N, C-alpha and C. Protein backbone atom coordinates (compact mmCIF):
# COMPACT_ATOMS: atom_id res chain seq x y z
N MET A 1 -44.63 -29.77 21.22
CA MET A 1 -43.85 -28.56 21.02
C MET A 1 -42.72 -28.85 20.03
N ARG A 2 -42.55 -27.95 19.08
CA ARG A 2 -41.52 -28.11 18.06
C ARG A 2 -40.15 -27.76 18.65
N PRO A 3 -39.14 -28.61 18.36
CA PRO A 3 -37.80 -28.24 18.81
C PRO A 3 -37.32 -26.98 18.10
N SER A 4 -36.21 -26.43 18.57
CA SER A 4 -35.67 -25.22 17.96
C SER A 4 -35.50 -25.42 16.46
N PRO A 5 -35.88 -24.43 15.66
CA PRO A 5 -35.73 -24.57 14.22
C PRO A 5 -34.30 -24.34 13.73
N VAL A 6 -33.38 -24.00 14.65
CA VAL A 6 -32.00 -23.69 14.25
C VAL A 6 -31.03 -24.48 15.13
N SER A 7 -30.01 -25.05 14.49
CA SER A 7 -28.92 -25.70 15.21
C SER A 7 -27.61 -25.33 14.52
N VAL A 8 -26.51 -25.74 15.09
CA VAL A 8 -25.19 -25.47 14.50
C VAL A 8 -24.40 -26.76 14.42
N THR A 9 -23.55 -26.85 13.41
CA THR A 9 -22.65 -27.99 13.29
C THR A 9 -21.48 -27.80 14.26
N PRO A 10 -20.74 -28.88 14.55
CA PRO A 10 -19.55 -28.72 15.40
C PRO A 10 -18.55 -27.72 14.83
N ALA A 11 -18.38 -27.70 13.51
CA ALA A 11 -17.43 -26.75 12.90
C ALA A 11 -17.90 -25.31 13.11
N ALA A 12 -19.21 -25.07 12.96
CA ALA A 12 -19.74 -23.72 13.18
C ALA A 12 -19.60 -23.34 14.65
N ALA A 13 -19.82 -24.28 15.57
CA ALA A 13 -19.66 -23.99 16.99
C ALA A 13 -18.21 -23.62 17.31
N ASP A 14 -17.25 -24.34 16.71
CA ASP A 14 -15.83 -24.00 16.92
C ASP A 14 -15.54 -22.57 16.47
N LEU A 15 -16.04 -22.22 15.29
CA LEU A 15 -15.81 -20.87 14.77
C LEU A 15 -16.49 -19.83 15.66
N LEU A 16 -17.68 -20.11 16.13
CA LEU A 16 -18.38 -19.17 17.00
C LEU A 16 -17.61 -18.95 18.31
N ARG A 17 -17.01 -20.00 18.86
CA ARG A 17 -16.20 -19.82 20.06
C ARG A 17 -15.02 -18.88 19.79
N SER A 18 -14.37 -19.06 18.65
CA SER A 18 -13.25 -18.21 18.27
C SER A 18 -13.70 -16.76 18.05
N LEU A 19 -14.81 -16.60 17.34
CA LEU A 19 -15.32 -15.25 17.09
C LEU A 19 -15.76 -14.57 18.38
N ARG A 20 -16.34 -15.34 19.30
CA ARG A 20 -16.77 -14.79 20.59
C ARG A 20 -15.56 -14.28 21.36
N GLU A 21 -14.47 -15.04 21.32
CA GLU A 21 -13.25 -14.64 22.02
C GLU A 21 -12.71 -13.31 21.46
N ALA A 22 -12.80 -13.15 20.16
CA ALA A 22 -12.26 -11.95 19.51
C ALA A 22 -13.20 -10.74 19.55
N HIS A 23 -14.53 -10.99 19.52
CA HIS A 23 -15.46 -9.89 19.30
C HIS A 23 -16.51 -9.70 20.40
N GLY A 24 -16.55 -10.60 21.38
CA GLY A 24 -17.58 -10.49 22.42
C GLY A 24 -18.86 -11.19 21.99
N PRO A 25 -19.98 -10.91 22.67
CA PRO A 25 -21.25 -11.57 22.37
C PRO A 25 -21.63 -11.41 20.89
N LEU A 26 -22.29 -12.45 20.36
CA LEU A 26 -22.57 -12.54 18.93
C LEU A 26 -24.06 -12.68 18.64
N MET A 27 -24.42 -12.42 17.39
CA MET A 27 -25.77 -12.66 16.88
C MET A 27 -25.68 -13.02 15.41
N PHE A 28 -26.72 -13.69 14.89
CA PHE A 28 -26.87 -13.94 13.46
C PHE A 28 -28.09 -13.21 12.94
N HIS A 29 -28.01 -12.81 11.67
CA HIS A 29 -29.19 -12.31 10.96
C HIS A 29 -29.14 -12.84 9.54
N GLN A 30 -30.28 -13.30 9.06
CA GLN A 30 -30.40 -13.70 7.66
C GLN A 30 -31.59 -12.97 7.08
N SER A 31 -31.30 -12.11 6.09
CA SER A 31 -32.36 -11.24 5.55
C SER A 31 -33.14 -11.87 4.42
N GLY A 32 -32.54 -12.82 3.73
CA GLY A 32 -33.24 -13.40 2.59
C GLY A 32 -33.12 -12.55 1.35
N GLY A 33 -32.31 -11.51 1.42
CA GLY A 33 -32.11 -10.67 0.26
C GLY A 33 -31.10 -11.29 -0.69
N CYS A 34 -30.66 -10.52 -1.63
CA CYS A 34 -29.67 -11.04 -2.57
C CYS A 34 -28.27 -10.79 -2.02
N CYS A 35 -27.31 -11.38 -2.67
CA CYS A 35 -25.89 -11.18 -2.35
C CYS A 35 -25.58 -11.52 -0.91
N ASP A 36 -25.03 -10.57 -0.14
CA ASP A 36 -24.62 -10.85 1.24
C ASP A 36 -25.78 -11.31 2.10
N GLY A 37 -26.98 -10.84 1.86
CA GLY A 37 -28.12 -11.19 2.70
C GLY A 37 -28.66 -12.58 2.47
N SER A 38 -28.11 -13.32 1.52
CA SER A 38 -28.58 -14.67 1.24
C SER A 38 -27.99 -15.69 2.19
N ALA A 39 -26.99 -15.34 2.95
CA ALA A 39 -26.34 -16.24 3.89
C ALA A 39 -26.50 -15.68 5.29
N PRO A 40 -26.41 -16.53 6.31
CA PRO A 40 -26.48 -15.99 7.67
C PRO A 40 -25.24 -15.15 7.94
N MET A 41 -25.45 -13.97 8.47
CA MET A 41 -24.34 -13.09 8.77
C MET A 41 -24.19 -12.98 10.28
N CYS A 42 -22.96 -13.05 10.74
CA CYS A 42 -22.64 -13.01 12.16
C CYS A 42 -22.10 -11.62 12.50
N PHE A 43 -22.67 -11.03 13.54
CA PHE A 43 -22.29 -9.69 13.98
C PHE A 43 -22.05 -9.70 15.49
N PRO A 44 -21.33 -8.70 16.00
CA PRO A 44 -21.36 -8.51 17.44
C PRO A 44 -22.82 -8.28 17.86
N ALA A 45 -23.22 -8.87 18.97
CA ALA A 45 -24.61 -8.76 19.44
C ALA A 45 -25.04 -7.29 19.48
N GLY A 46 -26.19 -7.01 18.88
CA GLY A 46 -26.75 -5.66 18.88
C GLY A 46 -26.23 -4.77 17.77
N GLU A 47 -25.20 -5.18 17.04
CA GLU A 47 -24.67 -4.32 15.98
C GLU A 47 -25.63 -4.23 14.80
N PHE A 48 -26.31 -5.33 14.49
CA PHE A 48 -27.32 -5.30 13.44
C PHE A 48 -28.65 -4.99 14.11
N ARG A 49 -29.28 -3.92 13.67
CA ARG A 49 -30.54 -3.50 14.29
C ARG A 49 -31.70 -4.30 13.71
N THR A 50 -32.36 -5.05 14.57
CA THR A 50 -33.54 -5.82 14.15
C THR A 50 -34.77 -4.98 14.42
N GLY A 51 -35.86 -5.33 13.73
CA GLY A 51 -37.09 -4.57 13.89
C GLY A 51 -38.31 -5.44 13.69
N ALA A 52 -39.42 -4.81 13.44
CA ALA A 52 -40.70 -5.51 13.31
C ALA A 52 -40.72 -6.46 12.12
N SER A 53 -39.82 -6.27 11.16
CA SER A 53 -39.78 -7.16 9.99
C SER A 53 -38.87 -8.37 10.21
N ASP A 54 -38.39 -8.56 11.44
CA ASP A 54 -37.50 -9.67 11.77
C ASP A 54 -38.14 -10.57 12.83
N VAL A 55 -37.73 -11.85 12.80
CA VAL A 55 -38.23 -12.85 13.75
C VAL A 55 -37.03 -13.48 14.45
N LEU A 56 -37.09 -13.56 15.77
CA LEU A 56 -36.06 -14.27 16.54
C LEU A 56 -36.42 -15.75 16.50
N LEU A 57 -35.61 -16.54 15.79
CA LEU A 57 -35.89 -17.97 15.65
C LEU A 57 -35.31 -18.80 16.77
N ALA A 58 -34.17 -18.39 17.32
CA ALA A 58 -33.52 -19.19 18.34
C ALA A 58 -32.52 -18.35 19.11
N ALA A 59 -32.29 -18.79 20.34
CA ALA A 59 -31.19 -18.29 21.16
C ALA A 59 -30.30 -19.52 21.36
N LEU A 60 -29.26 -19.63 20.54
CA LEU A 60 -28.45 -20.83 20.48
C LEU A 60 -27.48 -20.92 21.65
N ALA A 61 -27.54 -22.04 22.37
CA ALA A 61 -26.59 -22.30 23.45
C ALA A 61 -25.42 -23.06 22.86
N ILE A 62 -24.27 -22.42 22.83
CA ILE A 62 -23.05 -23.00 22.27
C ILE A 62 -22.09 -23.26 23.44
N GLU A 63 -21.67 -24.49 23.59
CA GLU A 63 -20.73 -24.81 24.67
C GLU A 63 -19.48 -23.94 24.52
N GLY A 64 -19.08 -23.32 25.62
CA GLY A 64 -17.90 -22.46 25.60
C GLY A 64 -18.21 -21.01 25.27
N VAL A 65 -19.46 -20.71 24.94
CA VAL A 65 -19.89 -19.33 24.70
C VAL A 65 -20.82 -18.97 25.86
N PRO A 66 -20.45 -17.96 26.67
CA PRO A 66 -21.19 -17.71 27.90
C PRO A 66 -22.65 -17.29 27.74
N GLU A 67 -23.00 -16.68 26.64
CA GLU A 67 -24.37 -16.23 26.44
C GLU A 67 -24.92 -16.84 25.15
N PRO A 68 -26.24 -16.94 25.05
CA PRO A 68 -26.83 -17.47 23.81
C PRO A 68 -26.50 -16.57 22.61
N VAL A 69 -26.41 -17.21 21.45
CA VAL A 69 -26.21 -16.50 20.18
C VAL A 69 -27.58 -16.44 19.51
N GLU A 70 -28.15 -15.25 19.43
CA GLU A 70 -29.47 -15.11 18.82
C GLU A 70 -29.39 -15.29 17.31
N PHE A 71 -30.41 -15.95 16.76
CA PHE A 71 -30.51 -16.13 15.31
C PHE A 71 -31.81 -15.49 14.84
N TRP A 72 -31.66 -14.42 14.06
CA TRP A 72 -32.78 -13.64 13.53
C TRP A 72 -32.92 -13.88 12.03
N MET A 73 -34.13 -13.80 11.54
CA MET A 73 -34.40 -13.92 10.10
C MET A 73 -35.51 -12.95 9.75
N SER A 74 -35.49 -12.46 8.52
CA SER A 74 -36.57 -11.59 8.10
C SER A 74 -37.88 -12.38 8.13
N ALA A 75 -38.94 -11.74 8.57
CA ALA A 75 -40.24 -12.41 8.69
C ALA A 75 -40.71 -12.94 7.34
N SER A 76 -40.44 -12.21 6.27
CA SER A 76 -40.90 -12.67 4.94
C SER A 76 -40.17 -13.95 4.53
N GLN A 77 -38.89 -14.07 4.86
CA GLN A 77 -38.17 -15.30 4.54
C GLN A 77 -38.66 -16.43 5.43
N TRP A 78 -38.87 -16.17 6.73
CA TRP A 78 -39.34 -17.21 7.63
C TRP A 78 -40.72 -17.72 7.21
N GLU A 79 -41.52 -16.85 6.65
CA GLU A 79 -42.84 -17.27 6.14
C GLU A 79 -42.68 -18.40 5.13
N ARG A 80 -41.66 -18.31 4.29
CA ARG A 80 -41.41 -19.35 3.29
C ARG A 80 -40.67 -20.56 3.87
N TRP A 81 -39.86 -20.36 4.89
CA TRP A 81 -39.01 -21.42 5.42
C TRP A 81 -39.53 -22.04 6.71
N GLN A 82 -40.70 -21.64 7.18
CA GLN A 82 -41.18 -22.07 8.50
C GLN A 82 -41.37 -23.58 8.63
N HIS A 83 -41.39 -24.30 7.55
CA HIS A 83 -41.55 -25.76 7.59
C HIS A 83 -40.20 -26.47 7.47
N THR A 84 -39.13 -25.75 7.75
CA THR A 84 -37.80 -26.34 7.65
C THR A 84 -37.08 -26.27 8.99
N THR A 85 -36.08 -27.10 9.12
CA THR A 85 -35.13 -27.03 10.21
C THR A 85 -33.83 -26.52 9.60
N LEU A 86 -33.23 -25.54 10.22
CA LEU A 86 -32.04 -24.88 9.68
C LEU A 86 -30.81 -25.28 10.49
N THR A 87 -29.74 -25.59 9.79
CA THR A 87 -28.48 -25.90 10.43
C THR A 87 -27.44 -24.92 9.93
N VAL A 88 -26.82 -24.19 10.85
CA VAL A 88 -25.74 -23.27 10.51
C VAL A 88 -24.47 -24.10 10.39
N ASP A 89 -23.82 -23.99 9.24
CA ASP A 89 -22.57 -24.70 9.00
C ASP A 89 -21.53 -23.68 8.55
N VAL A 90 -20.31 -24.12 8.40
CA VAL A 90 -19.23 -23.25 7.93
C VAL A 90 -18.45 -24.02 6.88
N VAL A 91 -18.10 -23.34 5.80
CA VAL A 91 -17.36 -23.94 4.70
C VAL A 91 -16.26 -22.99 4.25
N PRO A 92 -15.23 -23.51 3.59
CA PRO A 92 -14.20 -22.62 3.05
C PRO A 92 -14.80 -21.70 1.98
N GLY A 93 -14.27 -20.51 1.89
CA GLY A 93 -14.72 -19.59 0.85
C GLY A 93 -14.95 -18.20 1.39
N ARG A 94 -15.27 -17.32 0.49
CA ARG A 94 -15.50 -15.92 0.85
C ARG A 94 -16.99 -15.67 0.96
N GLY A 95 -17.40 -15.22 2.13
CA GLY A 95 -18.80 -14.89 2.34
C GLY A 95 -19.00 -13.40 2.36
N SER A 96 -19.86 -12.97 3.22
CA SER A 96 -20.20 -11.56 3.33
C SER A 96 -19.03 -10.74 3.87
N GLY A 97 -18.80 -9.61 3.26
CA GLY A 97 -17.77 -8.71 3.77
C GLY A 97 -18.14 -8.10 5.11
N PHE A 98 -19.42 -8.16 5.48
CA PHE A 98 -19.87 -7.58 6.74
C PHE A 98 -19.89 -8.59 7.88
N SER A 99 -19.86 -9.88 7.57
CA SER A 99 -19.95 -10.92 8.58
C SER A 99 -18.58 -11.15 9.22
N LEU A 100 -18.57 -11.42 10.52
CA LEU A 100 -17.32 -11.51 11.27
C LEU A 100 -16.36 -12.59 10.80
N GLU A 101 -16.86 -13.64 10.16
CA GLU A 101 -15.97 -14.72 9.73
C GLU A 101 -15.24 -14.42 8.42
N ALA A 102 -15.61 -13.37 7.72
CA ALA A 102 -15.04 -13.07 6.41
C ALA A 102 -13.51 -13.07 6.38
N PRO A 103 -12.82 -12.47 7.35
CA PRO A 103 -11.35 -12.47 7.29
C PRO A 103 -10.72 -13.85 7.54
N GLU A 104 -11.52 -14.81 7.98
CA GLU A 104 -11.00 -16.13 8.31
C GLU A 104 -10.91 -17.06 7.10
N GLY A 105 -11.40 -16.62 5.93
CA GLY A 105 -11.36 -17.45 4.73
C GLY A 105 -12.43 -18.53 4.71
N VAL A 106 -13.45 -18.35 5.53
CA VAL A 106 -14.58 -19.27 5.59
C VAL A 106 -15.87 -18.45 5.57
N ARG A 107 -16.98 -19.18 5.40
CA ARG A 107 -18.27 -18.48 5.44
C ARG A 107 -19.31 -19.38 6.07
N PHE A 108 -20.24 -18.76 6.77
CA PHE A 108 -21.38 -19.49 7.31
C PHE A 108 -22.36 -19.72 6.17
N LEU A 109 -23.08 -20.83 6.24
CA LEU A 109 -24.19 -21.07 5.33
C LEU A 109 -25.26 -21.85 6.07
N ILE A 110 -26.44 -21.87 5.48
CA ILE A 110 -27.58 -22.59 6.06
C ILE A 110 -27.83 -23.85 5.25
N ARG A 111 -27.99 -24.94 5.96
CA ARG A 111 -28.47 -26.18 5.36
C ARG A 111 -29.89 -26.35 5.89
N SER A 112 -30.84 -26.53 5.00
CA SER A 112 -32.24 -26.63 5.45
C SER A 112 -32.80 -28.00 5.09
N HIS A 113 -33.66 -28.48 5.97
CA HIS A 113 -34.34 -29.75 5.78
C HIS A 113 -35.80 -29.56 6.15
N LEU A 114 -36.69 -30.21 5.43
CA LEU A 114 -38.10 -30.15 5.79
C LEU A 114 -38.31 -30.72 7.18
N SER A 115 -39.10 -30.02 7.99
CA SER A 115 -39.42 -30.49 9.33
C SER A 115 -40.57 -31.46 9.25
N PRO A 116 -40.61 -32.42 10.17
CA PRO A 116 -41.80 -33.30 10.19
C PRO A 116 -43.02 -32.48 10.57
N PRO A 117 -44.20 -32.86 10.10
CA PRO A 117 -45.40 -32.10 10.46
C PRO A 117 -45.67 -32.22 11.96
N PRO A 118 -46.33 -31.22 12.55
CA PRO A 118 -46.62 -31.27 13.99
C PRO A 118 -47.54 -32.45 14.31
N ALA A 119 -47.37 -32.99 15.51
CA ALA A 119 -48.22 -34.10 15.94
C ALA A 119 -49.64 -33.62 16.11
N PRO A 120 -50.62 -34.45 15.79
CA PRO A 120 -52.03 -34.02 15.92
C PRO A 120 -52.46 -33.85 17.35
């Protein structure tokens, strides 16, 4: 069985704890589109409407966050990235105006690495 394709760095976990305190339950969506959709965007859980064109990749357990943080991606992007492991990180800078971290002067980003092939 393949481990979760999504993880978070300690810095991203710290920010998620802070955002959870301010905004309640959280979720991520990455559309694979241009501009704002090229980075993972963090929303209050359920604020971004997912549909048949989206895939739930993980329900992230973050210490200090009472409920899992779901990570969604567009199915078309996951089709291209399915052989990678994704790590949610946070860096200084301006990200999406719609993502909850935008006022904090930081932005979430994805670091991807090729996953090892499945065992035979």
